[in-house]
Amino acid sequence: MANIDASKDYYTEVGVSSTADRREIDKVHHKWALKFHPDKNPEEPEKHIDKFKQMGEAFEILRNDEMRAEYD
């Protein structure tokens, strides 16, 4: 489970509004996963690993109702 970092703006980081519903968040998550997954970017996997992890942390929080409520 991710630690919530209140200093980060997860909504801006992933590109959704704070009123985004689960369906919108899932759609953006899929887009980001394809864009930054290291297996999809074999020419520069190191460059994408950190971003992929950051996005995973943000989406873990935004997709979980309890964690999102705590973050908000």
N, C-alpha and C. Protein backbone atom coordinates (compact mmCIF):
# COMPACT_ATOMS: atom_id res chain seq x y z
N MET A 1 0.84 -1.18 0.00
CA MET A 1 0.00 0.00 0.00
C MET A 1 0.89 1.24 0.00
N ALA A 2 0.54 2.22 -0.80
CA ALA A 2 1.33 3.44 -0.94
C ALA A 2 1.14 4.35 0.27
N ASN A 3 2.20 5.07 0.58
CA ASN A 3 2.11 6.10 1.60
C ASN A 3 1.59 7.36 0.93
N ILE A 4 0.68 8.03 1.60
CA ILE A 4 0.11 9.24 1.04
C ILE A 4 1.04 10.41 1.35
N ASP A 5 1.48 11.08 0.31
CA ASP A 5 2.35 12.24 0.44
C ASP A 5 1.51 13.47 0.13
N ALA A 6 1.09 14.18 1.18
CA ALA A 6 0.21 15.34 1.02
C ALA A 6 0.86 16.47 0.25
N SER A 7 2.18 16.46 0.13
CA SER A 7 2.86 17.53 -0.59
C SER A 7 2.77 17.34 -2.11
N LYS A 8 2.37 16.17 -2.55
CA LYS A 8 2.25 15.90 -3.99
C LYS A 8 0.84 16.20 -4.45
N ASP A 9 0.74 16.70 -5.66
CA ASP A 9 -0.57 16.93 -6.27
C ASP A 9 -0.82 15.79 -7.25
N TYR A 10 -1.37 14.71 -6.75
CA TYR A 10 -1.58 13.52 -7.57
C TYR A 10 -2.52 13.80 -8.75
N TYR A 11 -3.49 14.67 -8.55
CA TYR A 11 -4.42 14.97 -9.64
C TYR A 11 -3.70 15.61 -10.83
N THR A 12 -2.86 16.59 -10.54
CA THR A 12 -2.10 17.24 -11.60
C THR A 12 -1.09 16.28 -12.20
N GLU A 13 -0.47 15.50 -11.35
CA GLU A 13 0.55 14.55 -11.81
C GLU A 13 0.01 13.58 -12.85
N VAL A 14 -1.21 13.12 -12.64
CA VAL A 14 -1.77 12.14 -13.59
C VAL A 14 -2.68 12.79 -14.64
N GLY A 15 -3.06 14.05 -14.42
CA GLY A 15 -3.84 14.76 -15.43
C GLY A 15 -5.34 14.55 -15.35
N VAL A 16 -5.86 14.48 -14.12
CA VAL A 16 -7.31 14.41 -13.94
C VAL A 16 -7.73 15.48 -12.94
N SER A 17 -9.00 15.84 -12.97
CA SER A 17 -9.50 16.82 -12.01
C SER A 17 -9.79 16.13 -10.69
N SER A 18 -9.92 16.92 -9.65
CA SER A 18 -10.21 16.35 -8.33
C SER A 18 -11.62 15.79 -8.25
N THR A 19 -12.44 16.07 -9.25
CA THR A 19 -13.81 15.54 -9.27
C THR A 19 -13.94 14.34 -10.21
N ALA A 20 -12.82 13.87 -10.74
CA ALA A 20 -12.85 12.74 -11.68
C ALA A 20 -13.43 11.51 -11.01
N ASP A 21 -14.26 10.79 -11.76
CA ASP A 21 -14.82 9.55 -11.22
C ASP A 21 -13.87 8.38 -11.52
N ARG A 22 -14.22 7.24 -10.98
CA ARG A 22 -13.37 6.05 -11.10
C ARG A 22 -13.14 5.66 -12.56
N ARG A 23 -14.17 5.80 -13.39
CA ARG A 23 -14.05 5.42 -14.80
C ARG A 23 -13.02 6.31 -15.51
N GLU A 24 -13.06 7.61 -15.24
CA GLU A 24 -12.11 8.53 -15.86
C GLU A 24 -10.68 8.24 -15.38
N ILE A 25 -10.54 7.98 -14.09
CA ILE A 25 -9.22 7.66 -13.53
C ILE A 25 -8.68 6.37 -14.14
N ASP A 26 -9.53 5.36 -14.28
CA ASP A 26 -9.09 4.09 -14.89
C ASP A 26 -8.65 4.29 -16.34
N LYS A 27 -9.37 5.13 -17.06
CA LYS A 27 -9.03 5.39 -18.46
C LYS A 27 -7.66 6.06 -18.57
N VAL A 28 -7.42 7.05 -17.73
CA VAL A 28 -6.13 7.75 -17.74
C VAL A 28 -5.02 6.81 -17.26
N HIS A 29 -5.33 5.97 -16.28
CA HIS A 29 -4.35 5.01 -15.77
C HIS A 29 -3.88 4.08 -16.89
N HIS A 30 -4.80 3.61 -17.67
CA HIS A 30 -4.46 2.71 -18.78
C HIS A 30 -3.53 3.43 -19.77
N LYS A 31 -3.86 4.67 -20.09
CA LYS A 31 -3.04 5.45 -21.02
C LYS A 31 -1.62 5.63 -20.49
N TRP A 32 -1.50 6.00 -19.22
CA TRP A 32 -0.18 6.21 -18.62
C TRP A 32 0.59 4.90 -18.50
N ALA A 33 -0.09 3.83 -18.18
CA ALA A 33 0.59 2.53 -18.06
C ALA A 33 1.21 2.12 -19.38
N LEU A 34 0.50 2.33 -20.47
CA LEU A 34 1.04 2.00 -21.78
C LEU A 34 2.21 2.92 -22.15
N LYS A 35 2.09 4.18 -21.79
CA LYS A 35 3.12 5.15 -22.16
C LYS A 35 4.43 4.93 -21.41
N PHE A 36 4.35 4.60 -20.12
CA PHE A 36 5.55 4.55 -19.30
C PHE A 36 6.01 3.16 -18.89
N HIS A 37 5.29 2.13 -19.25
CA HIS A 37 5.70 0.79 -18.84
C HIS A 37 7.06 0.47 -19.45
N PRO A 38 8.02 0.04 -18.62
CA PRO A 38 9.37 -0.25 -19.13
C PRO A 38 9.41 -1.29 -20.26
N ASP A 39 8.50 -2.25 -20.24
CA ASP A 39 8.47 -3.26 -21.30
C ASP A 39 8.03 -2.66 -22.64
N LYS A 40 7.28 -1.58 -22.58
CA LYS A 40 6.82 -0.91 -23.80
C LYS A 40 7.88 0.05 -24.33
N ASN A 41 8.91 0.28 -23.54
CA ASN A 41 9.97 1.21 -23.90
C ASN A 41 11.33 0.54 -23.73
N PRO A 42 11.59 -0.52 -24.47
CA PRO A 42 12.82 -1.28 -24.25
C PRO A 42 14.10 -0.52 -24.59
N GLU A 43 13.99 0.54 -25.39
CA GLU A 43 15.18 1.30 -25.74
C GLU A 43 15.71 2.14 -24.58
N GLU A 44 14.85 2.54 -23.65
CA GLU A 44 15.27 3.34 -22.50
C GLU A 44 14.47 2.95 -21.25
N PRO A 45 14.58 1.70 -20.79
CA PRO A 45 13.74 1.28 -19.67
C PRO A 45 14.02 2.05 -18.37
N GLU A 46 15.28 2.43 -18.13
CA GLU A 46 15.62 3.13 -16.89
C GLU A 46 14.88 4.46 -16.79
N LYS A 47 14.76 5.12 -17.93
CA LYS A 47 14.10 6.43 -17.98
C LYS A 47 12.62 6.31 -17.59
N HIS A 48 12.02 5.19 -17.89
CA HIS A 48 10.59 5.03 -17.67
C HIS A 48 10.24 4.37 -16.34
N ILE A 49 11.16 3.67 -15.73
CA ILE A 49 10.87 2.95 -14.49
C ILE A 49 10.43 3.89 -13.38
N ASP A 50 11.16 4.98 -13.15
CA ASP A 50 10.81 5.91 -12.08
C ASP A 50 9.45 6.55 -12.33
N LYS A 51 9.21 6.98 -13.55
CA LYS A 51 7.92 7.60 -13.88
C LYS A 51 6.80 6.59 -13.72
N PHE A 52 7.03 5.36 -14.12
CA PHE A 52 6.03 4.30 -14.00
C PHE A 52 5.69 4.07 -12.52
N LYS A 53 6.69 4.08 -11.66
CA LYS A 53 6.47 3.91 -10.22
C LYS A 53 5.71 5.09 -9.63
N GLN A 54 6.07 6.31 -10.03
CA GLN A 54 5.38 7.50 -9.55
C GLN A 54 3.91 7.47 -9.94
N MET A 55 3.65 7.11 -11.17
CA MET A 55 2.27 7.05 -11.64
C MET A 55 1.50 5.95 -10.92
N GLY A 56 2.16 4.83 -10.67
CA GLY A 56 1.51 3.74 -9.94
C GLY A 56 1.11 4.16 -8.55
N GLU A 57 1.98 4.90 -7.87
CA GLU A 57 1.66 5.40 -6.53
C GLU A 57 0.46 6.35 -6.58
N ALA A 58 0.47 7.27 -7.52
CA ALA A 58 -0.63 8.23 -7.64
C ALA A 58 -1.95 7.52 -7.92
N PHE A 59 -1.93 6.60 -8.87
CA PHE A 59 -3.16 5.90 -9.21
C PHE A 59 -3.64 4.98 -8.10
N GLU A 60 -2.72 4.40 -7.35
CA GLU A 60 -3.12 3.55 -6.23
C GLU A 60 -3.94 4.37 -5.23
N ILE A 61 -3.53 5.58 -4.99
CA ILE A 61 -4.23 6.44 -4.04
C ILE A 61 -5.54 6.94 -4.62
N LEU A 62 -5.53 7.40 -5.86
CA LEU A 62 -6.73 7.97 -6.46
C LEU A 62 -7.80 6.93 -6.77
N ARG A 63 -7.42 5.69 -6.97
CA ARG A 63 -8.38 4.64 -7.29
C ARG A 63 -8.97 3.97 -6.04
N ASN A 64 -8.38 4.22 -4.89
CA ASN A 64 -8.85 3.64 -3.64
C ASN A 64 -9.67 4.69 -2.90
N ASP A 65 -10.96 4.43 -2.70
CA ASP A 65 -11.85 5.43 -2.10
C ASP A 65 -11.38 5.90 -0.72
N GLU A 66 -10.93 4.99 0.11
CA GLU A 66 -10.49 5.36 1.46
C GLU A 66 -9.21 6.21 1.40
N MET A 67 -8.25 5.78 0.60
CA MET A 67 -6.99 6.54 0.49
C MET A 67 -7.22 7.89 -0.16
N ARG A 68 -8.10 7.93 -1.13
CA ARG A 68 -8.40 9.20 -1.80
C ARG A 68 -9.08 10.18 -0.84
N ALA A 69 -9.99 9.68 -0.04
CA ALA A 69 -10.66 10.55 0.94
C ALA A 69 -9.65 11.09 1.95
N GLU A 70 -8.71 10.26 2.37
CA GLU A 70 -7.68 10.70 3.29
C GLU A 70 -6.78 11.75 2.63
N TYR A 71 -6.44 11.52 1.36
CA TYR A 71 -5.59 12.46 0.62
C TYR A 71 -6.30 13.80 0.43
N ASP A 72 -7.57 13.74 0.06
CA ASP A 72 -8.34 14.98 -0.19
C ASP A 72 -8.49 15.74 1.11
